[in-house]
Amino acid sequence: MRLSSQIKPISYLKAHAAEIVRNLGEQRQTLVITQNGEAKVVIQDIDSYEQTQETMALLKILALGMHQIEEGNVLSAEDVIKRLRARREGD
């Protein structure tokens, strides 16, 4: 996808809103809207947005895990299994 072909002024959005929504849904691309020659917003279809949000959440979880490893806040698999077995036996 060439981003340069997906940059439009706000006047284009106003004049072609229905077409833009239809195309974004079909093509799963983003559209950058400019105002006074400056990029202001990005529009994307809902599926792409949800996928982006899920990816961001996974990256945050990964970063948190890496941070915990760096701080030494980890348990061995053996210790985790022992804890789980003890918890299950306690129920």
C-alpha atoms as a PDB file:
ATOM      1  CA  MET A   1       0.000   0.000   0.000  1.00  0.00           C
ATOM      2  CA  ARG A   2       1.362   3.363  -0.984  1.00  0.00           C
ATOM      3  CA  LEU A   3       0.503   5.789   1.772  1.00  0.00           C
ATOM      4  CA  SER A   4       0.786   8.756  -0.570  1.00  0.00           C
ATOM      5  CA  SER A   5      -2.289   7.568  -2.463  1.00  0.00           C
ATOM      6  CA  GLN A   6      -4.210   7.359   0.797  1.00  0.00           C
ATOM      7  CA  ILE A   7      -3.831  10.998   1.856  1.00  0.00           C
ATOM      8  CA  LYS A   8      -6.827  13.221   1.203  1.00  0.00           C
ATOM      9  CA  PRO A   9      -7.910  16.700   2.332  1.00  0.00           C
ATOM     10  CA  ILE A  10     -10.853  17.080   4.664  1.00  0.00           C
ATOM     11  CA  SER A  11     -12.911  18.513   1.798  1.00  0.00           C
ATOM     12  CA  TYR A  12     -12.579  15.142   0.018  1.00  0.00           C
ATOM     13  CA  LEU A  13     -13.870  13.378   3.124  1.00  0.00           C
ATOM     14  CA  LYS A  14     -16.861  15.706   3.300  1.00  0.00           C
ATOM     15  CA  ALA A  15     -17.728  15.174  -0.356  1.00  0.00           C
ATOM     16  CA  HIS A  16     -17.118  11.407  -0.528  1.00  0.00           C
ATOM     17  CA  ALA A  17     -17.886  10.036   2.951  1.00  0.00           C
ATOM     18  CA  ALA A  18     -20.085   7.117   1.834  1.00  0.00           C
ATOM     19  CA  GLU A  19     -17.616   6.067  -0.859  1.00  0.00           C
ATOM     20  CA  ILE A  20     -14.712   6.281   1.583  1.00  0.00           C
ATOM     21  CA  VAL A  21     -16.483   4.105   4.148  1.00  0.00           C
ATOM     22  CA  ARG A  22     -17.351   1.524   1.492  1.00  0.00           C
ATOM     23  CA  ASN A  23     -13.800   1.437   0.089  1.00  0.00           C
ATOM     24  CA  LEU A  24     -12.128   1.216   3.491  1.00  0.00           C
ATOM     25  CA  GLY A  25     -14.361  -1.712   4.397  1.00  0.00           C
ATOM     26  CA  GLU A  26     -13.565  -3.543   1.182  1.00  0.00           C
ATOM     27  CA  GLN A  27      -9.850  -2.741   0.869  1.00  0.00           C
ATOM     28  CA  ARG A  28      -8.879  -2.723   4.568  1.00  0.00           C
ATOM     29  CA  GLN A  29      -6.639   0.279   4.084  1.00  0.00           C
ATOM     30  CA  THR A  30      -6.211   3.415   6.138  1.00  0.00           C
ATOM     31  CA  LEU A  31      -6.890   6.936   4.957  1.00  0.00           C
ATOM     32  CA  VAL A  32      -5.013   9.977   6.244  1.00  0.00           C
ATOM     33  CA  ILE A  33      -7.099  13.165   6.334  1.00  0.00           C
ATOM     34  CA  THR A  34      -5.355  16.511   6.167  1.00  0.00           C
ATOM     35  CA  GLN A  35      -6.532  19.932   7.254  1.00  0.00           C
ATOM     36  CA  ASN A  36      -4.721  23.017   6.041  1.00  0.00           C
ATOM     37  CA  GLY A  37      -2.074  20.754   4.525  1.00  0.00           C
ATOM     38  CA  GLU A  38      -1.292  19.006   7.817  1.00  0.00           C
ATOM     39  CA  ALA A  39      -2.157  15.392   8.665  1.00  0.00           C
ATOM     40  CA  LYS A  40      -4.865  15.419  11.336  1.00  0.00           C
ATOM     41  CA  VAL A  41      -6.615  12.031  11.505  1.00  0.00           C
ATOM     42  CA  VAL A  42      -6.394   8.473  10.266  1.00  0.00           C
ATOM     43  CA  ILE A  43      -9.531   6.591   9.265  1.00  0.00           C
ATOM     44  CA  GLN A  44      -9.626   2.809   9.021  1.00  0.00           C
ATOM     45  CA  ASP A  45     -12.224   0.055   8.847  1.00  0.00           C
ATOM     46  CA  ILE A  46     -13.366  -1.544  12.102  1.00  0.00           C
ATOM     47  CA  ASP A  47     -11.729  -4.931  11.442  1.00  0.00           C
ATOM     48  CA  SER A  48      -8.333  -3.308  10.909  1.00  0.00           C
ATOM     49  CA  TYR A  49      -8.829  -1.164  14.001  1.00  0.00           C
ATOM     50  CA  GLU A  50      -9.695  -4.176  16.148  1.00  0.00           C
ATOM     51  CA  GLN A  51      -6.705  -6.095  14.803  1.00  0.00           C
ATOM     52  CA  THR A  52      -4.445  -3.140  15.615  1.00  0.00           C
ATOM     53  CA  GLN A  53      -5.838  -2.950  19.150  1.00  0.00           C
ATOM     54  CA  GLU A  54      -5.327  -6.687  19.690  1.00  0.00           C
ATOM     55  CA  THR A  55      -1.757  -6.417  18.421  1.00  0.00           C
ATOM     56  CA  MET A  56      -1.079  -3.495  20.762  1.00  0.00           C
ATOM     57  CA  ALA A  57      -2.471  -5.458  23.715  1.00  0.00           C
ATOM     58  CA  LEU A  58      -0.248  -8.438  22.908  1.00  0.00           C
ATOM     59  CA  LEU A  59       2.793  -6.183  22.588  1.00  0.00           C
ATOM     60  CA  LYS A  60       2.025  -4.628  25.985  1.00  0.00           C
ATOM     61  CA  ILE A  61       1.743  -8.086  27.557  1.00  0.00           C
ATOM     62  CA  LEU A  62       5.050  -9.082  25.962  1.00  0.00           C
ATOM     63  CA  ALA A  63       6.744  -5.907  27.225  1.00  0.00           C
ATOM     64  CA  LEU A  64       5.375  -6.508  30.724  1.00  0.00           C
ATOM     65  CA  GLY A  65       6.677 -10.079  30.655  1.00  0.00           C
ATOM     66  CA  MET A  66      10.103  -8.940  29.482  1.00  0.00           C
ATOM     67  CA  HIS A  67      10.184  -6.338  32.259  1.00  0.00           C
ATOM     68  CA  GLN A  68       9.310  -8.978  34.864  1.00  0.00           C
ATOM     69  CA  ILE A  69      12.072 -11.235  33.539  1.00  0.00           C
ATOM     70  CA  GLU A  70      14.592  -8.389  33.749  1.00  0.00           C
ATOM     71  CA  GLU A  71      13.564  -7.744  37.374  1.00  0.00           C
ATOM     72  CA  GLY A  72      13.823 -11.435  38.217  1.00  0.00           C
ATOM     73  CA  ASN A  73      10.112 -11.791  38.975  1.00  0.00           C
ATOM     74  CA  VAL A  74       9.870 -15.272  37.485  1.00  0.00           C
ATOM     75  CA  LEU A  75       9.249 -18.798  38.724  1.00  0.00           C
ATOM     76  CA  SER A  76      10.543 -22.018  37.307  1.00  0.00           C
ATOM     77  CA  ALA A  77       8.060 -24.236  35.521  1.00  0.00           C
ATOM     78  CA  GLU A  78       8.561 -26.823  38.252  1.00  0.00           C
ATOM     79  CA  ASP A  79       7.534 -24.319  40.972  1.00  0.00           C
ATOM     80  CA  VAL A  80       4.486 -23.227  39.006  1.00  0.00           C
ATOM     81  CA  ILE A  81       3.360 -26.833  38.525  1.00  0.00           C
ATOM     82  CA  LYS A  82       3.814 -27.526  42.256  1.00  0.00           C
ATOM     83  CA  ARG A  83       1.714 -24.460  43.129  1.00  0.00           C
ATOM     84  CA  LEU A  84      -1.033 -25.429  40.695  1.00  0.00           C
ATOM     85  CA  ARG A  85      -1.156 -28.996  42.003  1.00  0.00           C
ATOM     86  CA  ALA A  86      -1.281 -27.764  45.605  1.00  0.00           C
ATOM     87  CA  ARG A  87      -4.091 -25.346  44.733  1.00  0.00           C
ATOM     88  CA  ARG A  88      -6.048 -28.080  42.936  1.00  0.00           C
ATOM     89  CA  GLU A  89      -5.659 -30.468  45.861  1.00  0.00           C
ATOM     90  CA  GLY A  90      -6.806 -27.744  48.247  1.00  0.00           C
ATOM     91  CA  ASP A  91     -10.117 -27.254  46.396  1.00  0.00           C
END
